[in-house]
Amino acid sequence: MNDYTWPSVFFAYFFFTVCLALAVFFFARSWKSGYWAKSSEDVKYQVFDEQDSLNGDRDATRKTETQGIR
């Protein structure tokens, strides 16, 4: 009778190690690129500000109309 417990245990530990290594790798990579910094969402607000300036008064009237509905 063969015991297949050890290969499955080794595979499970190997798989968990690979998952942990990938998680640490991508966490370190995102930390290095500034994703966790205080100013990480400045790009989002910059895009919204550019859209507001491009749309001009049309967005301002739309905002007042939707605020009245609430």
PDB file of N, CA and C in Angstrom:
ATOM      1  N   MET A   1       0.843  -1.174   0.000  1.00  0.00           N
ATOM      2  CA  MET A   1       0.000   0.000   0.000  1.00  0.00           C
ATOM      3  C   MET A   1       0.891   1.240   0.000  1.00  0.00           C
ATOM      4  N   ASN A   2       0.560   2.158  -0.887  1.00  0.00           N
ATOM      5  CA  ASN A   2       1.335   3.393  -0.992  1.00  0.00           C
ATOM      6  C   ASN A   2       0.707   4.498  -0.156  1.00  0.00           C
ATOM      7  N   ASP A   3       1.556   5.315   0.395  1.00  0.00           N
ATOM      8  CA  ASP A   3       1.076   6.440   1.182  1.00  0.00           C
ATOM      9  C   ASP A   3       1.238   7.723   0.349  1.00  0.00           C
ATOM     10  N   TYR A   4       0.123   8.326  -0.023  1.00  0.00           N
ATOM     11  CA  TYR A   4       0.159   9.525  -0.852  1.00  0.00           C
ATOM     12  C   TYR A   4      -0.009  10.802  -0.025  1.00  0.00           C
ATOM     13  N   THR A   5       0.148  10.714   1.269  1.00  0.00           N
ATOM     14  CA  THR A   5      -0.031  11.878   2.125  1.00  0.00           C
ATOM     15  C   THR A   5       1.109  12.872   1.953  1.00  0.00           C
ATOM     16  N   TRP A   6       2.354  12.389   1.944  1.00  0.00           N
ATOM     17  CA  TRP A   6       3.496  13.292   1.889  1.00  0.00           C
ATOM     18  C   TRP A   6       3.555  14.113   0.614  1.00  0.00           C
ATOM     19  N   PRO A   7       3.322  13.550  -0.565  1.00  0.00           N
ATOM     20  CA  PRO A   7       3.342  14.407  -1.767  1.00  0.00           C
ATOM     21  C   PRO A   7       2.295  15.515  -1.722  1.00  0.00           C
ATOM     22  N   SER A   8       1.117  15.222  -1.204  1.00  0.00           N
ATOM     23  CA  SER A   8       0.092  16.261  -1.145  1.00  0.00           C
ATOM     24  C   SER A   8       0.448  17.327  -0.105  1.00  0.00           C
ATOM     25  N   VAL A   9       1.070  16.921   0.993  1.00  0.00           N
ATOM     26  CA  VAL A   9       1.492  17.896   2.001  1.00  0.00           C
ATOM     27  C   VAL A   9       2.603  18.781   1.438  1.00  0.00           C
ATOM     28  N   PHE A  10       3.569  18.189   0.767  1.00  0.00           N
ATOM     29  CA  PHE A  10       4.640  18.978   0.171  1.00  0.00           C
ATOM     30  C   PHE A  10       4.086  19.940  -0.877  1.00  0.00           C
ATOM     31  N   PHE A  11       3.152  19.471  -1.687  1.00  0.00           N
ATOM     32  CA  PHE A  11       2.559  20.336  -2.701  1.00  0.00           C
ATOM     33  C   PHE A  11       1.805  21.489  -2.049  1.00  0.00           C
ATOM     34  N   ALA A  12       1.064  21.214  -0.992  1.00  0.00           N
ATOM     35  CA  ALA A  12       0.305  22.266  -0.312  1.00  0.00           C
ATOM     36  C   ALA A  12       1.248  23.315   0.261  1.00  0.00           C
ATOM     37  N   TYR A  13       2.300  22.899   0.943  1.00  0.00           N
ATOM     38  CA  TYR A  13       3.257  23.867   1.486  1.00  0.00           C
ATOM     39  C   TYR A  13       3.964  24.640   0.374  1.00  0.00           C
ATOM     40  N   PHE A  14       4.288  23.966  -0.710  1.00  0.00           N
ATOM     41  CA  PHE A  14       4.906  24.642  -1.843  1.00  0.00           C
ATOM     42  C   PHE A  14       3.953  25.689  -2.420  1.00  0.00           C
ATOM     43  N   PHE A  15       2.687  25.331  -2.568  1.00  0.00           N
ATOM     44  CA  PHE A  15       1.691  26.256  -3.118  1.00  0.00           C
ATOM     45  C   PHE A  15       1.499  27.457  -2.194  1.00  0.00           C
ATOM     46  N   PHE A  16       1.410  27.234  -0.888  1.00  0.00           N
ATOM     47  CA  PHE A  16       1.251  28.337   0.065  1.00  0.00           C
ATOM     48  C   PHE A  16       2.467  29.253   0.050  1.00  0.00           C
ATOM     49  N   THR A  17       3.645  28.670  -0.093  1.00  0.00           N
ATOM     50  CA  THR A  17       4.870  29.466  -0.155  1.00  0.00           C
ATOM     51  C   THR A  17       4.903  30.334  -1.403  1.00  0.00           C
ATOM     52  N   VAL A  18       4.488  29.782  -2.518  1.00  0.00           N
ATOM     53  CA  VAL A  18       4.449  30.558  -3.760  1.00  0.00           C
ATOM     54  C   VAL A  18       3.432  31.691  -3.641  1.00  0.00           C
ATOM     55  N   CYS A  19       2.272  31.411  -3.081  1.00  0.00           N
ATOM     56  CA  CYS A  19       1.256  32.460  -2.897  1.00  0.00           C
ATOM     57  C   CYS A  19       1.760  33.559  -1.976  1.00  0.00           C
ATOM     58  N   LEU A  20       2.398  33.198  -0.891  1.00  0.00           N
ATOM     59  CA  LEU A  20       2.940  34.189   0.035  1.00  0.00           C
ATOM     60  C   LEU A  20       4.041  35.007  -0.624  1.00  0.00           C
ATOM     61  N   ALA A  21       4.907  34.357  -1.374  1.00  0.00           N
ATOM     62  CA  ALA A  21       5.991  35.069  -2.053  1.00  0.00           C
ATOM     63  C   ALA A  21       5.441  36.056  -3.078  1.00  0.00           C
ATOM     64  N   LEU A  22       4.421  35.662  -3.823  1.00  0.00           N
ATOM     65  CA  LEU A  22       3.816  36.581  -4.793  1.00  0.00           C
ATOM     66  C   LEU A  22       3.130  37.757  -4.097  1.00  0.00           C
ATOM     67  N   ALA A  23       2.459  37.486  -2.988  1.00  0.00           N
ATOM     68  CA  ALA A  23       1.796  38.569  -2.248  1.00  0.00           C
ATOM     69  C   ALA A  23       2.821  39.568  -1.718  1.00  0.00           C
ATOM     70  N   VAL A  24       3.915  39.075  -1.159  1.00  0.00           N
ATOM     71  CA  VAL A  24       4.957  39.967  -0.645  1.00  0.00           C
ATOM     72  C   VAL A  24       5.617  40.732  -1.788  1.00  0.00           C
ATOM     73  N   PHE A  25       5.843  40.073  -2.908  1.00  0.00           N
ATOM     74  CA  PHE A  25       6.453  40.721  -4.066  1.00  0.00           C
ATOM     75  C   PHE A  25       5.592  41.872  -4.571  1.00  0.00           C
ATOM     76  N   PHE A  26       4.292  41.623  -4.760  1.00  0.00           N
ATOM     77  CA  PHE A  26       3.422  42.674  -5.289  1.00  0.00           C
ATOM     78  C   PHE A  26       3.176  43.775  -4.259  1.00  0.00           C
ATOM     79  N   PHE A  27       3.176  43.437  -2.984  1.00  0.00           N
ATOM     80  CA  PHE A  27       3.063  44.459  -1.956  1.00  0.00           C
ATOM     81  C   PHE A  27       4.288  45.371  -1.969  1.00  0.00           C
ATOM     82  N   ALA A  28       5.469  44.787  -2.045  1.00  0.00           N
ATOM     83  CA  ALA A  28       6.697  45.586  -2.087  1.00  0.00           C
ATOM     84  C   ALA A  28       6.757  46.430  -3.350  1.00  0.00           C
ATOM     85  N   ARG A  29       6.311  45.868  -4.450  1.00  0.00           N
ATOM     86  CA  ARG A  29       6.317  46.616  -5.707  1.00  0.00           C
ATOM     87  C   ARG A  29       5.351  47.789  -5.657  1.00  0.00           C
ATOM     88  N   SER A  30       4.169  47.600  -5.077  1.00  0.00           N
ATOM     89  CA  SER A  30       3.219  48.703  -4.981  1.00  0.00           C
ATOM     90  C   SER A  30       3.695  49.744  -3.972  1.00  0.00           C
ATOM     91  N   TRP A  31       4.390  49.321  -2.911  1.00  0.00           N
ATOM     92  CA  TRP A  31       4.936  50.268  -1.939  1.00  0.00           C
ATOM     93  C   TRP A  31       6.014  51.126  -2.608  1.00  0.00           C
ATOM     94  N   LYS A  32       6.847  50.478  -3.423  1.00  0.00           N
ATOM     95  CA  LYS A  32       7.936  51.173  -4.097  1.00  0.00           C
ATOM     96  C   LYS A  32       7.407  52.194  -5.102  1.00  0.00           C
ATOM     97  N   SER A  33       6.314  51.897  -5.765  1.00  0.00           N
ATOM     98  CA  SER A  33       5.773  52.810  -6.778  1.00  0.00           C
ATOM     99  C   SER A  33       4.942  53.930  -6.171  1.00  0.00           C
ATOM    100  N   GLY A  34       4.742  53.925  -4.858  1.00  0.00           N
ATOM    101  CA  GLY A  34       4.050  55.017  -4.203  1.00  0.00           C
ATOM    102  C   GLY A  34       2.562  54.825  -4.053  1.00  0.00           C
ATOM    103  N   TYR A  35       2.081  53.620  -4.197  1.00  0.00           N
ATOM    104  CA  TYR A  35       0.648  53.367  -4.086  1.00  0.00           C
ATOM    105  C   TYR A  35       0.133  53.601  -2.678  1.00  0.00           C
ATOM    106  N   TRP A  36       0.964  53.408  -1.671  1.00  0.00           N
ATOM    107  CA  TRP A  36       0.542  53.535  -0.273  1.00  0.00           C
ATOM    108  C   TRP A  36       0.893  54.899   0.310  1.00  0.00           C
ATOM    109  N   ALA A  37       1.359  55.826  -0.509  1.00  0.00           N
ATOM    110  CA  ALA A  37       1.753  57.140  -0.013  1.00  0.00           C
ATOM    111  C   ALA A  37       0.524  58.009   0.264  1.00  0.00           C
ATOM    112  N   LYS A  38       0.745  59.114   0.959  1.00  0.00           N
ATOM    113  CA  LYS A  38      -0.363  60.023   1.276  1.00  0.00           C
ATOM    114  C   LYS A  38      -0.938  60.673   0.023  1.00  0.00           C
ATOM    115  N   SER A  39      -0.118  60.883  -0.976  1.00  0.00           N
ATOM    116  CA  SER A  39      -0.559  61.565  -2.188  1.00  0.00           C
ATOM    117  C   SER A  39      -0.907  60.587  -3.312  1.00  0.00           C
ATOM    118  N   SER A  40      -1.264  59.372  -2.983  1.00  0.00           N
ATOM    119  CA  SER A  40      -1.503  58.365  -4.020  1.00  0.00           C
ATOM    120  C   SER A  40      -2.770  58.625  -4.822  1.00  0.00           C
ATOM    121  N   GLU A  41      -3.755  59.327  -4.240  1.00  0.00           N
ATOM    122  CA  GLU A  41      -5.001  59.577  -4.959  1.00  0.00           C
ATOM    123  C   GLU A  41      -5.048  60.961  -5.599  1.00  0.00           C
ATOM    124  N   ASP A  42      -3.940  61.677  -5.597  1.00  0.00           N
ATOM    125  CA  ASP A  42      -3.916  62.995  -6.223  1.00  0.00           C
ATOM    126  C   ASP A  42      -4.207  62.922  -7.717  1.00  0.00           C
ATOM    127  N   VAL A  43      -3.787  61.857  -8.362  1.00  0.00           N
ATOM    128  CA  VAL A  43      -4.031  61.704  -9.794  1.00  0.00           C
ATOM    129  C   VAL A  43      -5.529  61.652 -10.068  1.00  0.00           C
ATOM    130  N   LYS A  44      -6.270  60.964  -9.221  1.00  0.00           N
ATOM    131  CA  LYS A  44      -7.721  60.858  -9.405  1.00  0.00           C
ATOM    132  C   LYS A  44      -8.368  62.235  -9.342  1.00  0.00           C
ATOM    133  N   TYR A  45      -7.989  63.026  -8.356  1.00  0.00           N
ATOM    134  CA  TYR A  45      -8.582  64.346  -8.226  1.00  0.00           C
ATOM    135  C   TYR A  45      -8.138  65.268  -9.349  1.00  0.00           C
ATOM    136  N   GLN A  46      -6.930  65.062  -9.845  1.00  0.00           N
ATOM    137  CA  GLN A  46      -6.460  65.862 -10.960  1.00  0.00           C
ATOM    138  C   GLN A  46      -7.299  65.574 -12.204  1.00  0.00           C
ATOM    139  N   VAL A  47      -7.640  64.327 -12.437  1.00  0.00           N
ATOM    140  CA  VAL A  47      -8.467  63.963 -13.582  1.00  0.00           C
ATOM    141  C   VAL A  47      -9.853  64.578 -13.439  1.00  0.00           C
ATOM    142  N   PHE A  48     -10.435  64.519 -12.226  1.00  0.00           N
ATOM    143  CA  PHE A  48     -11.758  65.104 -12.024  1.00  0.00           C
ATOM    144  C   PHE A  48     -11.728  66.612 -12.224  1.00  0.00           C
ATOM    145  N   ASP A  49     -10.675  67.274 -11.769  1.00  0.00           N
ATOM    146  CA  ASP A  49     -10.568  68.716 -11.955  1.00  0.00           C
ATOM    147  C   ASP A  49     -10.439  69.074 -13.419  1.00  0.00           C
ATOM    148  N   GLU A  50      -9.680  68.270 -14.178  1.00  0.00           N
ATOM    149  CA  GLU A  50      -9.547  68.522 -15.606  1.00  0.00           C
ATOM    150  C   GLU A  50     -10.883  68.338 -16.313  1.00  0.00           C
ATOM    151  N   GLN A  51     -11.668  67.348 -15.916  1.00  0.00           N
ATOM    152  CA  GLN A  51     -12.975  67.145 -16.528  1.00  0.00           C
ATOM    153  C   GLN A  51     -13.891  68.315 -16.225  1.00  0.00           C
ATOM    154  N   ASP A  52     -13.841  68.826 -15.008  1.00  0.00           N
ATOM    155  CA  ASP A  52     -14.670  69.970 -14.652  1.00  0.00           C
ATOM    156  C   ASP A  52     -14.293  71.193 -15.468  1.00  0.00           C
ATOM    157  N   SER A  53     -13.007  71.413 -15.657  1.00  0.00           N
ATOM    158  CA  SER A  53     -12.589  72.586 -16.423  1.00  0.00           C
ATOM    159  C   SER A  53     -12.905  72.414 -17.900  1.00  0.00           C
ATOM    160  N   LEU A  54     -12.891  71.188 -18.416  1.00  0.00           N
ATOM    161  CA  LEU A  54     -13.224  70.964 -19.820  1.00  0.00           C
ATOM    162  C   LEU A  54     -14.722  71.100 -20.068  1.00  0.00           C
ATOM    163  N   ASN A  55     -15.540  70.623 -19.134  1.00  0.00           N
ATOM    164  CA  ASN A  55     -16.985  70.674 -19.310  1.00  0.00           C
ATOM    165  C   ASN A  55     -17.546  72.056 -19.017  1.00  0.00           C
ATOM    166  N   GLY A  56     -16.880  72.826 -18.228  1.00  0.00           N
ATOM    167  CA  GLY A  56     -17.283  74.204 -17.978  1.00  0.00           C
ATOM    168  C   GLY A  56     -18.577  74.312 -17.200  1.00  0.00           C
ATOM    169  N   ASP A  57     -19.444  75.195 -17.637  1.00  0.00           N
ATOM    170  CA  ASP A  57     -20.685  75.495 -16.930  1.00  0.00           C
ATOM    171  C   ASP A  57     -21.712  74.371 -17.045  1.00  0.00           C
ATOM    172  N   ARG A  58     -21.589  73.533 -18.025  1.00  0.00           N
ATOM    173  CA  ARG A  58     -22.566  72.455 -18.212  1.00  0.00           C
ATOM    174  C   ARG A  58     -22.612  71.551 -16.979  1.00  0.00           C
ATOM    175  N   ASP A  59     -21.427  71.229 -16.407  1.00  0.00           N
ATOM    176  CA  ASP A  59     -21.389  70.404 -15.205  1.00  0.00           C
ATOM    177  C   ASP A  59     -21.915  71.143 -13.988  1.00  0.00           C
ATOM    178  N   ALA A  60     -21.681  72.435 -13.911  1.00  0.00           N
ATOM    179  CA  ALA A  60     -22.152  73.201 -12.760  1.00  0.00           C
ATOM    180  C   ALA A  60     -23.676  73.198 -12.697  1.00  0.00           C
ATOM    181  N   THR A  61     -24.344  73.318 -13.846  1.00  0.00           N
ATOM    182  CA  THR A  61     -25.806  73.277 -13.841  1.00  0.00           C
ATOM    183  C   THR A  61     -26.302  71.877 -13.535  1.00  0.00           C
ATOM    184  N   ARG A  62     -25.602  70.869 -13.998  1.00  0.00           N
ATOM    185  CA  ARG A  62     -26.002  69.488 -13.729  1.00  0.00           C
ATOM    186  C   ARG A  62     -25.884  69.185 -12.235  1.00  0.00           C
ATOM    187  N   LYS A  63     -24.825  69.696 -11.588  1.00  0.00           N
ATOM    188  CA  LYS A  63     -24.670  69.469 -10.155  1.00  0.00           C
ATOM    189  C   LYS A  63     -25.787  70.094  -9.351  1.00  0.00           C
ATOM    190  N   THR A  64     -26.206  71.283  -9.720  1.00  0.00           N
ATOM    191  CA  THR A  64     -27.279  71.948  -8.976  1.00  0.00           C
ATOM    192  C   THR A  64     -28.614  71.255  -9.197  1.00  0.00           C
ATOM    193  N   GLU A  65     -28.826  70.715 -10.386  1.00  0.00           N
ATOM    194  CA  GLU A  65     -30.069  69.996 -10.664  1.00  0.00           C
ATOM    195  C   GLU A  65     -30.144  68.711  -9.838  1.00  0.00           C
ATOM    196  N   THR A  66     -29.036  67.974  -9.760  1.00  0.00           N
ATOM    197  CA  THR A  66     -29.060  66.711  -9.006  1.00  0.00           C
ATOM    198  C   THR A  66     -29.104  66.956  -7.517  1.00  0.00           C
ATOM    199  N   GLN A  67     -28.554  68.044  -7.050  1.00  0.00           N
ATOM    200  CA  GLN A  67     -28.615  68.332  -5.621  1.00  0.00           C
ATOM    201  C   GLN A  67     -30.037  68.659  -5.194  1.00  0.00           C
ATOM    202  N   GLY A  68     -30.829  69.250  -6.088  1.00  0.00           N
ATOM    203  CA  GLY A  68     -32.217  69.561  -5.750  1.00  0.00           C
ATOM    204  C   GLY A  68     -33.068  68.314  -5.646  1.00  0.00           C
ATOM    205  N   ILE A  69     -32.710  67.259  -6.347  1.00  0.00           N
ATOM    206  CA  ILE A  69     -33.494  66.022  -6.337  1.00  0.00           C
ATOM    207  C   ILE A  69     -33.342  65.289  -5.015  1.00  0.00           C
ATOM    208  N   ARG A  70     -32.188  65.342  -4.449  1.00  0.00           N
ATOM    209  CA  ARG A  70     -31.942  64.626  -3.178  1.00  0.00           C
ATOM    210  C   ARG A  70     -32.774  65.217  -2.134  1.00  0.00           C
TER     211      ARG A  70
END
